[in-house]
């Protein structure tokens, strides 16, 4: 877990992947870290800040998939291409799945 910041939700490093659709449709991108509020991912193509994206998050250890909407909160082009995505309108089922997975990866 990351510490020393004022985030609303703690972030966890994990092994999970996301497919997302915004301006681009990109498959199997590694999630760097995730929380109940959003995630950071490395990507080959950056979306614009504010872009709404459809997300399909895959958790290999759980053989589980969560579909969510998100919004690009920030982009970083150097030294690696990264984006922060905040989750929007998480349903009860998806929230429960995400909570369950984060309990699993919590140190």
PDB file of N, CA and C in Angstrom:
ATOM      1  N   UNK A   1       0.845  -1.179   0.000  1.00  0.00           N
ATOM      2  CA  UNK A   1       0.000   0.000   0.000  1.00  0.00           C
ATOM      3  C   UNK A   1       0.882   1.230   0.000  1.00  0.00           C
ATOM      4  N   UNK A   2       0.511   2.208  -0.753  1.00  0.00           N
ATOM      5  CA  UNK A   2       1.219   3.477  -0.779  1.00  0.00           C
ATOM      6  C   UNK A   2       0.778   4.302   0.425  1.00  0.00           C
ATOM      7  N   UNK A   3       1.685   5.099   0.970  1.00  0.00           N
ATOM      8  CA  UNK A   3       1.310   5.956   2.086  1.00  0.00           C
ATOM      9  C   UNK A   3       1.966   7.320   1.911  1.00  0.00           C
ATOM     10  N   UNK A   4       1.677   8.223   2.850  1.00  0.00           N
ATOM     11  CA  UNK A   4       2.288   9.536   2.806  1.00  0.00           C
ATOM     12  C   UNK A   4       1.584  10.497   1.879  1.00  0.00           C
ATOM     13  N   UNK A   5       0.325  10.217   1.520  1.00  0.00           N
ATOM     14  CA  UNK A   5      -0.421  11.171   0.710  1.00  0.00           C
ATOM     15  C   UNK A   5      -1.827  11.300   1.262  1.00  0.00           C
ATOM     16  N   UNK A   6      -2.611  12.174   0.687  1.00  0.00           N
ATOM     17  CA  UNK A   6      -3.940  12.438   1.219  1.00  0.00           C
ATOM     18  C   UNK A   6      -5.029  11.845   0.336  1.00  0.00           C
ATOM     19  N   UNK A   7      -4.781  10.706  -0.234  1.00  0.00           N
ATOM     20  CA  UNK A   7      -5.785  10.062  -1.079  1.00  0.00           C
ATOM     21  C   UNK A   7      -6.996   9.637  -0.247  1.00  0.00           C
ATOM     22  N   UNK A   8      -8.145   9.664  -0.859  1.00  0.00           N
ATOM     23  CA  UNK A   8      -9.369   9.222  -0.205  1.00  0.00           C
ATOM     24  C   UNK A   8      -9.351   7.707  -0.011  1.00  0.00           C
ATOM     25  N   UNK A   9      -8.795   6.972  -0.990  1.00  0.00           N
ATOM     26  CA  UNK A   9      -8.738   5.510  -0.941  1.00  0.00           C
ATOM     27  C   UNK A   9      -7.288   5.057  -1.049  1.00  0.00           C
ATOM     28  N   UNK A  10      -6.878   4.105  -0.212  1.00  0.00           N
ATOM     29  CA  UNK A  10      -5.507   3.586  -0.351  1.00  0.00           C
ATOM     30  C   UNK A  10      -5.344   2.848  -1.671  1.00  0.00           C
ATOM     31  N   UNK A  11      -4.145   2.945  -2.245  1.00  0.00           N
ATOM     32  CA  UNK A  11      -3.844   2.265  -3.504  1.00  0.00           C
ATOM     33  C   UNK A  11      -3.023   1.024  -3.236  1.00  0.00           C
ATOM     34  N   UNK A  12      -3.257   0.005  -4.063  1.00  0.00           N
ATOM     35  CA  UNK A  12      -2.577  -1.271  -3.921  1.00  0.00           C
ATOM     36  C   UNK A  12      -1.933  -1.656  -5.243  1.00  0.00           C
ATOM     37  N   UNK A  13      -0.694  -2.136  -5.158  1.00  0.00           N
ATOM     38  CA  UNK A  13      -0.036  -2.681  -6.345  1.00  0.00           C
ATOM     39  C   UNK A  13      -0.525  -4.115  -6.500  1.00  0.00           C
ATOM     40  N   UNK A  14      -0.717  -4.556  -7.726  1.00  0.00           N
ATOM     41  CA  UNK A  14      -1.284  -5.864  -7.965  1.00  0.00           C
ATOM     42  C   UNK A  14      -0.950  -6.349  -9.357  1.00  0.00           C
ATOM     43  N   UNK A  15      -1.368  -7.569  -9.633  1.00  0.00           N
ATOM     44  CA  UNK A  15      -1.242  -8.086 -10.987  1.00  0.00           C
ATOM     45  C   UNK A  15      -2.639  -8.180 -11.571  1.00  0.00           C
ATOM     46  N   UNK A  16      -2.973  -7.213 -12.394  1.00  0.00           N
ATOM     47  CA  UNK A  16      -4.281  -7.176 -13.044  1.00  0.00           C
ATOM     48  C   UNK A  16      -4.117  -6.420 -14.356  1.00  0.00           C
ATOM     49  N   UNK A  17      -5.075  -6.599 -15.237  1.00  0.00           N
ATOM     50  CA  UNK A  17      -5.003  -6.014 -16.572  1.00  0.00           C
ATOM     51  C   UNK A  17      -6.329  -5.364 -16.923  1.00  0.00           C
ATOM     52  N   UNK A  18      -6.265  -4.399 -17.824  1.00  0.00           N
ATOM     53  CA  UNK A  18      -7.472  -3.696 -18.219  1.00  0.00           C
ATOM     54  C   UNK A  18      -7.517  -3.564 -19.744  1.00  0.00           C
ATOM     55  N   UNK A  19      -8.698  -3.730 -20.283  1.00  0.00           N
ATOM     56  CA  UNK A  19      -9.000  -3.357 -21.668  1.00  0.00           C
ATOM     57  C   UNK A  19      -9.802  -2.078 -21.536  1.00  0.00           C
ATOM     58  N   UNK A  20      -9.530  -1.086 -22.378  1.00  0.00           N
ATOM     59  CA  UNK A  20     -10.327   0.125 -22.273  1.00  0.00           C
ATOM     60  C   UNK A  20     -10.645   0.697 -23.644  1.00  0.00           C
ATOM     61  N   UNK A  21     -11.793   1.363 -23.680  1.00  0.00           N
ATOM     62  CA  UNK A  21     -12.250   2.036 -24.880  1.00  0.00           C
ATOM     63  C   UNK A  21     -12.503   3.482 -24.544  1.00  0.00           C
ATOM     64  N   UNK A  22     -11.815   4.362 -25.227  1.00  0.00           N
ATOM     65  CA  UNK A  22     -12.020   5.805 -25.145  1.00  0.00           C
ATOM     66  C   UNK A  22     -12.007   6.259 -26.589  1.00  0.00           C
ATOM     67  N   UNK A  23     -11.037   7.111 -26.948  1.00  0.00           N
ATOM     68  CA  UNK A  23     -10.811   7.415 -28.366  1.00  0.00           C
ATOM     69  C   UNK A  23     -10.188   6.207 -29.043  1.00  0.00           C
ATOM     70  N   UNK A  24      -9.393   5.468 -28.256  1.00  0.00           N
ATOM     71  CA  UNK A  24      -8.707   4.265 -28.731  1.00  0.00           C
ATOM     72  C   UNK A  24      -9.359   3.046 -28.087  1.00  0.00           C
ATOM     73  N   UNK A  25      -9.135   1.874 -28.683  1.00  0.00           N
ATOM     74  CA  UNK A  25      -9.553   0.613 -28.086  1.00  0.00           C
ATOM     75  C   UNK A  25      -8.276  -0.174 -27.844  1.00  0.00           C
ATOM     76  N   UNK A  26      -7.920  -0.343 -26.582  1.00  0.00           N
ATOM     77  CA  UNK A  26      -6.653  -0.988 -26.241  1.00  0.00           C
ATOM     78  C   UNK A  26      -6.882  -2.182 -25.335  1.00  0.00           C
ATOM     79  N   UNK A  27      -6.150  -3.251 -25.610  1.00  0.00           N
ATOM     80  CA  UNK A  27      -6.328  -4.499 -24.898  1.00  0.00           C
ATOM     81  C   UNK A  27      -5.159  -4.808 -23.984  1.00  0.00           C
ATOM     82  N   UNK A  28      -5.449  -5.455 -22.888  1.00  0.00           N
ATOM     83  CA  UNK A  28      -4.472  -6.095 -22.025  1.00  0.00           C
ATOM     84  C   UNK A  28      -3.360  -5.168 -21.531  1.00  0.00           C
ATOM     85  N   UNK A  29      -3.732  -4.036 -20.976  1.00  0.00           N
ATOM     86  CA  UNK A  29      -2.753  -3.112 -20.398  1.00  0.00           C
ATOM     87  C   UNK A  29      -2.609  -3.388 -18.909  1.00  0.00           C
ATOM     88  N   UNK A  30      -1.370  -3.356 -18.439  1.00  0.00           N
ATOM     89  CA  UNK A  30      -1.090  -3.645 -17.037  1.00  0.00           C
ATOM     90  C   UNK A  30      -1.520  -2.486 -16.145  1.00  0.00           C
ATOM     91  N   UNK A  31      -2.231  -2.826 -15.081  1.00  0.00           N
ATOM     92  CA  UNK A  31      -2.608  -1.833 -14.078  1.00  0.00           C
ATOM     93  C   UNK A  31      -1.441  -1.711 -13.116  1.00  0.00           C
ATOM     94  N   UNK A  32      -0.976  -0.500 -12.902  1.00  0.00           N
ATOM     95  CA  UNK A  32       0.158  -0.303 -11.978  1.00  0.00           C
ATOM     96  C   UNK A  32      -0.309  -0.356 -10.536  1.00  0.00           C
ATOM     97  N   UNK A  33      -1.378   0.374 -10.223  1.00  0.00           N
ATOM     98  CA  UNK A  33      -1.988   0.280  -8.902  1.00  0.00           C
ATOM     99  C   UNK A  33      -3.461   0.640  -9.014  1.00  0.00           C
ATOM    100  N   UNK A  34      -4.209   0.262  -7.968  1.00  0.00           N
ATOM    101  CA  UNK A  34      -5.663   0.419  -8.008  1.00  0.00           C
ATOM    102  C   UNK A  34      -6.182   0.714  -6.611  1.00  0.00           C
ATOM    103  N   UNK A  35      -7.319   1.386  -6.544  1.00  0.00           N
ATOM    104  CA  UNK A  35      -8.013   1.642  -5.280  1.00  0.00           C
ATOM    105  C   UNK A  35      -9.511   1.555  -5.564  1.00  0.00           C
ATOM    106  N   UNK A  36     -10.307   1.788  -4.544  1.00  0.00           N
ATOM    107  CA  UNK A  36     -11.755   1.811  -4.748  1.00  0.00           C
ATOM    108  C   UNK A  36     -12.166   3.011  -5.596  1.00  0.00           C
ATOM    109  N   UNK A  37     -11.311   4.014  -5.707  1.00  0.00           N
ATOM    110  CA  UNK A  37     -11.667   5.217  -6.443  1.00  0.00           C
ATOM    111  C   UNK A  37     -11.119   5.307  -7.849  1.00  0.00           C
ATOM    112  N   UNK A  38     -10.100   4.492  -8.175  1.00  0.00           N
ATOM    113  CA  UNK A  38      -9.517   4.589  -9.503  1.00  0.00           C
ATOM    114  C   UNK A  38      -8.271   3.744  -9.643  1.00  0.00           C
ATOM    115  N   UNK A  39      -7.535   3.978 -10.725  1.00  0.00           N
ATOM    116  CA  UNK A  39      -6.337   3.192 -10.989  1.00  0.00           C
ATOM    117  C   UNK A  39      -5.351   3.992 -11.811  1.00  0.00           C
ATOM    118  N   UNK A  40      -4.121   3.507 -11.815  1.00  0.00           N
ATOM    119  CA  UNK A  40      -3.059   4.075 -12.646  1.00  0.00           C
ATOM    120  C   UNK A  40      -2.586   2.960 -13.557  1.00  0.00           C
ATOM    121  N   UNK A  41      -2.429   3.286 -14.836  1.00  0.00           N
ATOM    122  CA  UNK A  41      -1.959   2.265 -15.757  1.00  0.00           C
ATOM    123  C   UNK A  41      -0.932   2.814 -16.718  1.00  0.00           C
ATOM    124  N   UNK A  42      -0.080   1.924 -17.156  1.00  0.00           N
ATOM    125  CA  UNK A  42       0.889   2.247 -18.204  1.00  0.00           C
ATOM    126  C   UNK A  42       0.232   1.874 -19.517  1.00  0.00           C
ATOM    127  N   UNK A  43       0.494   2.688 -20.538  1.00  0.00           N
ATOM    128  CA  UNK A  43      -0.182   2.474 -21.808  1.00  0.00           C
ATOM    129  C   UNK A  43       0.710   2.891 -22.967  1.00  0.00           C
ATOM    130  N   UNK A  44       0.356   2.455 -24.139  1.00  0.00           N
ATOM    131  CA  UNK A  44       1.086   2.876 -25.335  1.00  0.00           C
ATOM    132  C   UNK A  44       0.447   4.113 -25.952  1.00  0.00           C
ATOM    133  N   UNK A  45      -0.841   4.323 -25.668  1.00  0.00           N
ATOM    134  CA  UNK A  45      -1.586   5.461 -26.212  1.00  0.00           C
ATOM    135  C   UNK A  45      -2.286   6.194 -25.083  1.00  0.00           C
ATOM    136  N   UNK A  46      -2.073   7.490 -24.988  1.00  0.00           N
ATOM    137  CA  UNK A  46      -2.701   8.292 -23.943  1.00  0.00           C
ATOM    138  C   UNK A  46      -4.027   8.869 -24.416  1.00  0.00           C
ATOM    139  N   UNK A  47      -4.996   8.887 -23.512  1.00  0.00           N
ATOM    140  CA  UNK A  47      -6.265   9.576 -23.752  1.00  0.00           C
ATOM    141  C   UNK A  47      -6.115  10.997 -23.210  1.00  0.00           C
ATOM    142  N   UNK A  48      -7.044  11.862 -23.542  1.00  0.00           N
ATOM    143  CA  UNK A  48      -7.021  13.228 -23.016  1.00  0.00           C
ATOM    144  C   UNK A  48      -7.646  13.264 -21.632  1.00  0.00           C
ATOM    145  N   UNK A  49      -7.159  14.161 -20.785  1.00  0.00           N
ATOM    146  CA  UNK A  49      -7.749  14.363 -19.467  1.00  0.00           C
ATOM    147  C   UNK A  49      -9.232  14.682 -19.658  1.00  0.00           C
ATOM    148  N   UNK A  50     -10.092  14.046 -18.860  1.00  0.00           N
ATOM    149  CA  UNK A  50     -11.534  14.253 -18.966  1.00  0.00           C
ATOM    150  C   UNK A  50     -12.234  13.258 -19.868  1.00  0.00           C
ATOM    151  N   UNK A  51     -11.482  12.499 -20.667  1.00  0.00           N
ATOM    152  CA  UNK A  51     -12.071  11.502 -21.573  1.00  0.00           C
ATOM    153  C   UNK A  51     -12.761  10.413 -20.758  1.00  0.00           C
ATOM    154  N   UNK A  52     -14.009  10.092 -21.100  1.00  0.00           N
ATOM    155  CA  UNK A  52     -14.724   8.987 -20.468  1.00  0.00           C
ATOM    156  C   UNK A  52     -14.304   7.703 -21.168  1.00  0.00           C
ATOM    157  N   UNK A  53     -14.016   6.668 -20.359  1.00  0.00           N
ATOM    158  CA  UNK A  53     -13.553   5.397 -20.913  1.00  0.00           C
ATOM    159  C   UNK A  53     -14.375   4.250 -20.342  1.00  0.00           C
ATOM    160  N   UNK A  54     -14.561   3.215 -21.143  1.00  0.00           N
ATOM    161  CA  UNK A  54     -15.161   1.967 -20.698  1.00  0.00           C
ATOM    162  C   UNK A  54     -14.021   1.041 -20.323  1.00  0.00           C
ATOM    163  N   UNK A  55     -14.124   0.409 -19.154  1.00  0.00           N
ATOM    164  CA  UNK A  55     -13.048  -0.423 -18.631  1.00  0.00           C
ATOM    165  C   UNK A  55     -13.526  -1.850 -18.415  1.00  0.00           C
ATOM    166  N   UNK A  56     -12.678  -2.790 -18.755  1.00  0.00           N
ATOM    167  CA  UNK A  56     -12.897  -4.191 -18.410  1.00  0.00           C
ATOM    168  C   UNK A  56     -11.633  -4.631 -17.680  1.00  0.00           C
ATOM    169  N   UNK A  57     -11.748  -4.792 -16.366  1.00  0.00           N
ATOM    170  CA  UNK A  57     -10.599  -5.141 -15.533  1.00  0.00           C
ATOM    171  C   UNK A  57     -10.600  -6.645 -15.291  1.00  0.00           C
ATOM    172  N   UNK A  58      -9.456  -7.277 -15.558  1.00  0.00           N
ATOM    173  CA  UNK A  58      -9.300  -8.722 -15.359  1.00  0.00           C
ATOM    174  C   UNK A  58      -8.366  -8.980 -14.190  1.00  0.00           C
ATOM    175  N   UNK A  59      -8.822  -9.810 -13.258  1.00  0.00           N
ATOM    176  CA  UNK A  59      -8.020 -10.221 -12.110  1.00  0.00           C
ATOM    177  C   UNK A  59      -7.670 -11.699 -12.278  1.00  0.00           C
ATOM    178  N   UNK A  60      -6.476 -12.019 -12.798  1.00  0.00           N
ATOM    179  CA  UNK A  60      -6.114 -13.414 -13.082  1.00  0.00           C
ATOM    180  C   UNK A  60      -6.221 -14.351 -11.883  1.00  0.00           C
ATOM    181  N   UNK A  61      -5.826 -13.900 -10.660  1.00  0.00           N
ATOM    182  CA  UNK A  61      -5.873 -14.791  -9.489  1.00  0.00           C
ATOM    183  C   UNK A  61      -7.301 -15.159  -9.108  1.00  0.00           C
ATOM    184  N   UNK A  62      -8.270 -14.330  -9.441  1.00  0.00           N
ATOM    185  CA  UNK A  62      -9.660 -14.578  -9.076  1.00  0.00           C
ATOM    186  C   UNK A  62     -10.471 -15.127 -10.246  1.00  0.00           C
ATOM    187  N   UNK A  63      -9.879 -15.180 -11.439  1.00  0.00           N
ATOM    188  CA  UNK A  63     -10.615 -15.569 -12.634  1.00  0.00           C
ATOM    189  C   UNK A  63     -11.907 -14.752 -12.705  1.00  0.00           C
ATOM    190  N   UNK A  64     -11.741 -13.431 -12.542  1.00  0.00           N
ATOM    191  CA  UNK A  64     -12.870 -12.524 -12.436  1.00  0.00           C
ATOM    192  C   UNK A  64     -12.661 -11.299 -13.330  1.00  0.00           C
ATOM    193  N   UNK A  65     -13.764 -10.722 -13.783  1.00  0.00           N
ATOM    194  CA  UNK A  65     -13.737  -9.537 -14.638  1.00  0.00           C
ATOM    195  C   UNK A  65     -14.745  -8.529 -14.098  1.00  0.00           C
ATOM    196  N   UNK A  66     -14.363  -7.255 -14.096  1.00  0.00           N
ATOM    197  CA  UNK A  66     -15.268  -6.178 -13.682  1.00  0.00           C
ATOM    198  C   UNK A  66     -15.361  -5.176 -14.823  1.00  0.00           C
ATOM    199  N   UNK A  67     -16.586  -4.792 -15.181  1.00  0.00           N
ATOM    200  CA  UNK A  67     -16.800  -3.762 -16.206  1.00  0.00           C
ATOM    201  C   UNK A  67     -17.229  -2.477 -15.512  1.00  0.00           C
ATOM    202  N   UNK A  68     -16.512  -1.381 -15.817  1.00  0.00           N
ATOM    203  CA  UNK A  68     -16.764  -0.087 -15.182  1.00  0.00           C
ATOM    204  C   UNK A  68     -16.646   1.049 -16.188  1.00  0.00           C
ATOM    205  N   UNK A  69     -17.161   2.183 -15.800  1.00  0.00           N
ATOM    206  CA  UNK A  69     -16.911   3.438 -16.516  1.00  0.00           C
ATOM    207  C   UNK A  69     -15.870   4.210 -15.728  1.00  0.00           C
ATOM    208  N   UNK A  70     -15.044   4.963 -16.423  1.00  0.00           N
ATOM    209  CA  UNK A  70     -14.051   5.782 -15.758  1.00  0.00           C
ATOM    210  C   UNK A  70     -13.849   7.081 -16.507  1.00  0.00           C
ATOM    211  N   UNK A  71     -13.092   7.966 -15.890  1.00  0.00           N
ATOM    212  CA  UNK A  71     -12.733   9.233 -16.515  1.00  0.00           C
ATOM    213  C   UNK A  71     -11.243   9.463 -16.299  1.00  0.00           C
ATOM    214  N   UNK A  72     -10.561   9.865 -17.349  1.00  0.00           N
ATOM    215  CA  UNK A  72      -9.130  10.117 -17.254  1.00  0.00           C
ATOM    216  C   UNK A  72      -8.921  11.346 -16.372  1.00  0.00           C
ATOM    217  N   UNK A  73      -8.234  11.131 -15.234  1.00  0.00           N
ATOM    218  CA  UNK A  73      -8.009  12.208 -14.266  1.00  0.00           C
ATOM    219  C   UNK A  73      -6.713  12.945 -14.548  1.00  0.00           C
ATOM    220  N   UNK A  74      -5.697  12.223 -15.066  1.00  0.00           N
ATOM    221  CA  UNK A  74      -4.415  12.845 -15.390  1.00  0.00           C
ATOM    222  C   UNK A  74      -3.668  11.969 -16.389  1.00  0.00           C
ATOM    223  N   UNK A  75      -2.754  12.594 -17.112  1.00  0.00           N
ATOM    224  CA  UNK A  75      -1.894  11.871 -18.059  1.00  0.00           C
ATOM    225  C   UNK A  75      -0.444  12.308 -17.843  1.00  0.00           C
ATOM    226  N   UNK A  76       0.456  11.382 -18.079  1.00  0.00           N
ATOM    227  CA  UNK A  76       1.879  11.649 -17.939  1.00  0.00           C
ATOM    228  C   UNK A  76       2.578  11.002 -19.125  1.00  0.00           C
ATOM    229  N   UNK A  77       3.384  11.792 -19.836  1.00  0.00           N
ATOM    230  CA  UNK A  77       4.016  11.313 -21.064  1.00  0.00           C
ATOM    231  C   UNK A  77       5.493  10.983 -20.883  1.00  0.00           C
ATOM    232  N   UNK A  78       6.102  11.431 -19.768  1.00  0.00           N
ATOM    233  CA  UNK A  78       7.533  11.204 -19.558  1.00  0.00           C
ATOM    234  C   UNK A  78       7.817  10.704 -18.169  1.00  0.00           C
ATOM    235  N   UNK A  79       8.695   9.800 -17.916  1.00  0.00           N
ATOM    236  CA  UNK A  79       9.478   9.041 -18.885  1.00  0.00           C
ATOM    237  C   UNK A  79       8.669   7.915 -19.534  1.00  0.00           C
ATOM    238  N   UNK A  80       7.563   7.489 -18.863  1.00  0.00           N
ATOM    239  CA  UNK A  80       6.693   6.478 -19.454  1.00  0.00           C
ATOM    240  C   UNK A  80       5.304   7.069 -19.625  1.00  0.00           C
ATOM    241  N   UNK A  81       4.539   6.499 -20.543  1.00  0.00           N
ATOM    242  CA  UNK A  81       3.158   6.943 -20.729  1.00  0.00           C
ATOM    243  C   UNK A  81       2.285   6.282 -19.675  1.00  0.00           C
ATOM    244  N   UNK A  82       1.655   7.122 -18.840  1.00  0.00           N
ATOM    245  CA  UNK A  82       0.772   6.641 -17.784  1.00  0.00           C
ATOM    246  C   UNK A  82      -0.486   7.503 -17.730  1.00  0.00           C
ATOM    247  N   UNK A  83      -1.561   6.900 -17.212  1.00  0.00           N
ATOM    248  CA  UNK A  83      -2.803   7.634 -17.008  1.00  0.00           C
ATOM    249  C   UNK A  83      -3.393   7.261 -15.658  1.00  0.00           C
ATOM    250  N   UNK A  84      -4.008   8.228 -15.016  1.00  0.00           N
ATOM    251  CA  UNK A  84      -4.814   7.982 -13.821  1.00  0.00           C
ATOM    252  C   UNK A  84      -6.266   8.025 -14.238  1.00  0.00           C
ATOM    253  N   UNK A  85      -7.002   7.013 -13.863  1.00  0.00           N
ATOM    254  CA  UNK A  85      -8.415   6.934 -14.228  1.00  0.00           C
ATOM    255  C   UNK A  85      -9.243   6.819 -12.960  1.00  0.00           C
ATOM    256  N   UNK A  86     -10.212   7.723 -12.803  1.00  0.00           N
ATOM    257  CA  UNK A  86     -11.122   7.634 -11.653  1.00  0.00           C
ATOM    258  C   UNK A  86     -12.373   6.884 -12.096  1.00  0.00           C
ATOM    259  N   UNK A  87     -12.860   5.997 -11.214  1.00  0.00           N
ATOM    260  CA  UNK A  87     -14.049   5.205 -11.517  1.00  0.00           C
ATOM    261  C   UNK A  87     -15.290   6.065 -11.356  1.00  0.00           C
ATOM    262  N   UNK A  88     -16.272   5.844 -12.214  1.00  0.00           N
ATOM    263  CA  UNK A  88     -17.528   6.594 -12.190  1.00  0.00           C
ATOM    264  C   UNK A  88     -18.710   5.644 -12.059  1.00  0.00           C
ATOM    265  N   UNK A  89     -19.631   5.965 -11.169  1.00  0.00           N
ATOM    266  CA  UNK A  89     -20.888   5.227 -11.026  1.00  0.00           C
ATOM    267  C   UNK A  89     -20.690   3.718 -10.902  1.00  0.00           C
ATOM    268  N   UNK A  90     -19.917   3.308  -9.901  1.00  0.00           N
ATOM    269  CA  UNK A  90     -19.680   1.882  -9.693  1.00  0.00           C
ATOM    270  C   UNK A  90     -20.951   1.237  -9.141  1.00  0.00           C
ATOM    271  N   UNK A  91     -21.403   0.162  -9.783  1.00  0.00           N
ATOM    272  CA  UNK A  91     -22.575  -0.577  -9.316  1.00  0.00           C
ATOM    273  C   UNK A  91     -22.251  -1.394  -8.069  1.00  0.00           C
ATOM    274  N   UNK A  92     -23.278  -1.853  -7.389  1.00  0.00           N
ATOM    275  CA  UNK A  92     -23.100  -2.632  -6.149  1.00  0.00           C
ATOM    276  C   UNK A  92     -22.298  -3.907  -6.398  1.00  0.00           C
ATOM    277  N   UNK A  93     -22.618  -4.629  -7.455  1.00  0.00           N
ATOM    278  CA  UNK A  93     -21.922  -5.875  -7.776  1.00  0.00           C
ATOM    279  C   UNK A  93     -20.442  -5.626  -8.029  1.00  0.00           C
ATOM    280  N   UNK A  94     -20.150  -4.612  -8.833  1.00  0.00           N
ATOM    281  CA  UNK A  94     -18.775  -4.285  -9.184  1.00  0.00           C
ATOM    282  C   UNK A  94     -17.992  -3.805  -7.958  1.00  0.00           C
ATOM    283  N   UNK A  95     -18.648  -3.006  -7.117  1.00  0.00           N
ATOM    284  CA  UNK A  95     -18.006  -2.519  -5.895  1.00  0.00           C
ATOM    285  C   UNK A  95     -17.631  -3.695  -4.996  1.00  0.00           C
ATOM    286  N   UNK A  96     -18.548  -4.642  -4.848  1.00  0.00           N
ATOM    287  CA  UNK A  96     -18.286  -5.801  -3.997  1.00  0.00           C
ATOM    288  C   UNK A  96     -17.118  -6.631  -4.553  1.00  0.00           C
ATOM    289  N   UNK A  97     -17.088  -6.833  -5.867  1.00  0.00           N
ATOM    290  CA  UNK A  97     -15.988  -7.578  -6.487  1.00  0.00           C
ATOM    291  C   UNK A  97     -14.655  -6.874  -6.255  1.00  0.00           C
ATOM    292  N   UNK A  98     -14.632  -5.563  -6.443  1.00  0.00           N
ATOM    293  CA  UNK A  98     -13.404  -4.798  -6.260  1.00  0.00           C
ATOM    294  C   UNK A  98     -12.954  -4.827  -4.797  1.00  0.00           C
ATOM    295  N   UNK A  99     -13.888  -4.653  -3.873  1.00  0.00           N
ATOM    296  CA  UNK A  99     -13.558  -4.737  -2.447  1.00  0.00           C
ATOM    297  C   UNK A  99     -12.976  -6.101  -2.105  1.00  0.00           C
ATOM    298  N   UNK A 100     -13.582  -7.150  -2.627  1.00  0.00           N
ATOM    299  CA  UNK A 100     -13.125  -8.516  -2.371  1.00  0.00           C
ATOM    300  C   UNK A 100     -11.690  -8.702  -2.886  1.00  0.00           C
ATOM    301  N   UNK A 101     -11.436  -8.197  -4.078  1.00  0.00           N
ATOM    302  CA  UNK A 101     -10.098  -8.357  -4.634  1.00  0.00           C
ATOM    303  C   UNK A 101      -9.062  -7.550  -3.843  1.00  0.00           C
ATOM    304  N   UNK A 102      -9.397  -6.329  -3.463  1.00  0.00           N
ATOM    305  CA  UNK A 102      -8.454  -5.503  -2.713  1.00  0.00           C
ATOM    306  C   UNK A 102      -8.150  -6.098  -1.339  1.00  0.00           C
ATOM    307  N   UNK A 103      -9.139  -6.757  -0.719  1.00  0.00           N
ATOM    308  CA  UNK A 103      -8.871  -7.457   0.542  1.00  0.00           C
ATOM    309  C   UNK A 103      -7.858  -8.581   0.309  1.00  0.00           C
ATOM    310  N   UNK A 104      -7.952  -9.221  -0.840  1.00  0.00           N
ATOM    311  CA  UNK A 104      -7.048 -10.315  -1.193  1.00  0.00           C
ATOM    312  C   UNK A 104      -5.608  -9.834  -1.369  1.00  0.00           C
ATOM    313  N   UNK A 105      -5.408  -8.656  -1.951  1.00  0.00           N
ATOM    314  CA  UNK A 105      -4.046  -8.161  -2.230  1.00  0.00           C
ATOM    315  C   UNK A 105      -3.488  -7.284  -1.115  1.00  0.00           C
ATOM    316  N   UNK A 106      -4.321  -6.920  -0.143  1.00  0.00           N
ATOM    317  CA  UNK A 106      -3.877  -6.038   0.949  1.00  0.00           C
ATOM    318  C   UNK A 106      -2.761  -6.718   1.743  1.00  0.00           C
ATOM    319  N   UNK A 107      -1.645  -6.010   1.956  1.00  0.00           N
ATOM    320  CA  UNK A 107      -0.518  -6.618   2.693  1.00  0.00           C
ATOM    321  C   UNK A 107      -0.826  -6.859   4.162  1.00  0.00           C
TER     322      UNK A 107
END
